[in-house]
Amino acid sequence: MIPIGKKGKITNGPLKDWMITVQEDKDNTGGFLILLTKNEEQYDEWANDLKDLEKLFAKRAWEVAWEK
């Protein structure tokens, strides 16, 4: 399961060492905002629902070390 609201560090692929946070936007859009940061660089992705969020993680093949 993908943790919502926790920070993590991507441990593989082109975004290795980027920090990731998934935020739920249930009240406004019902979707999920995926925030990605590394140093001064930032970008985001969007998923319409939990199913799309899981598909996005699978497509990107992200392995994430989530903070406890």
Protein backbone atom coordinates (compact mmCIF):
# COMPACT_ATOMS: atom_id res chain seq x y z
CA MET A 1 0.00 0.00 0.00
CA ILE A 2 1.22 3.50 -0.81
CA PRO A 3 1.39 5.68 2.30
CA ILE A 4 -0.53 8.94 2.07
CA GLY A 5 1.02 12.02 3.68
CA LYS A 6 4.40 10.40 4.42
CA LYS A 7 7.71 11.42 2.89
CA GLY A 8 9.89 8.90 1.16
CA LYS A 9 13.03 8.67 -0.95
CA ILE A 10 12.99 7.02 -4.37
CA THR A 11 15.73 4.39 -4.41
CA ASN A 12 15.86 3.42 -8.10
CA GLY A 13 15.58 4.64 -11.67
CA PRO A 14 15.88 8.12 -13.20
CA LEU A 15 14.44 9.83 -10.10
CA LYS A 16 16.73 8.02 -7.67
CA ASP A 17 17.35 10.11 -4.53
CA TRP A 18 14.31 12.33 -5.16
CA MET A 19 11.95 12.86 -2.22
CA ILE A 20 8.31 11.92 -2.77
CA THR A 21 5.11 12.70 -0.89
CA VAL A 22 1.58 11.66 -1.84
CA GLN A 23 -1.17 14.03 -0.72
CA GLU A 24 -4.86 13.24 -0.83
CA ASP A 25 -7.11 15.97 -2.18
CA LYS A 26 -10.37 14.28 -1.21
CA ASP A 27 -12.28 17.47 -0.40
CA ASN A 28 -11.53 19.32 -3.64
CA THR A 29 -10.86 16.86 -6.44
CA GLY A 30 -11.00 13.39 -4.93
CA GLY A 31 -7.56 12.66 -6.39
CA PHE A 32 -3.96 12.45 -5.28
CA LEU A 33 -1.10 14.89 -5.78
CA ILE A 34 2.36 13.32 -5.97
CA LEU A 35 5.06 15.83 -5.04
CA LEU A 36 8.65 15.16 -6.13
CA THR A 37 11.61 17.27 -4.97
CA LYS A 38 15.38 17.19 -5.13
CA ASN A 39 17.39 20.18 -4.00
CA GLU A 40 15.79 23.18 -5.75
CA GLU A 41 14.03 21.07 -8.39
CA GLN A 42 10.35 20.26 -7.99
CA TYR A 43 7.67 18.66 -10.03
CA ASP A 44 4.42 16.87 -9.48
CA GLU A 45 2.19 14.17 -10.89
CA TRP A 46 -1.53 13.64 -10.53
CA ALA A 47 -3.71 10.57 -10.02
CA ASN A 48 -7.50 10.72 -10.22
CA ASP A 49 -8.07 7.98 -7.64
CA LEU A 50 -6.33 5.23 -5.69
CA LYS A 51 -6.40 2.85 -8.67
CA ASP A 52 -4.67 5.44 -10.88
CA LEU A 53 -2.16 6.14 -8.09
CA GLU A 54 -1.23 2.46 -7.91
CA LYS A 55 -0.95 2.29 -11.72
CA LEU A 56 1.34 5.34 -11.74
CA PHE A 57 3.67 3.81 -9.15
CA ALA A 58 3.74 0.53 -11.13
CA LYS A 59 4.36 2.33 -14.44
CA ARG A 60 7.23 4.35 -12.98
CA ALA A 61 8.50 1.25 -11.12
CA TRP A 62 9.29 3.44 -8.13
CA GLU A 63 10.86 1.77 -5.15
CA VAL A 64 10.52 4.07 -2.16
CA ALA A 65 12.11 4.05 1.29
CA TRP A 66 9.29 5.60 3.32
CA GLU A 67 10.06 7.51 6.53
CA LYS A 68 8.71 5.90 9.69
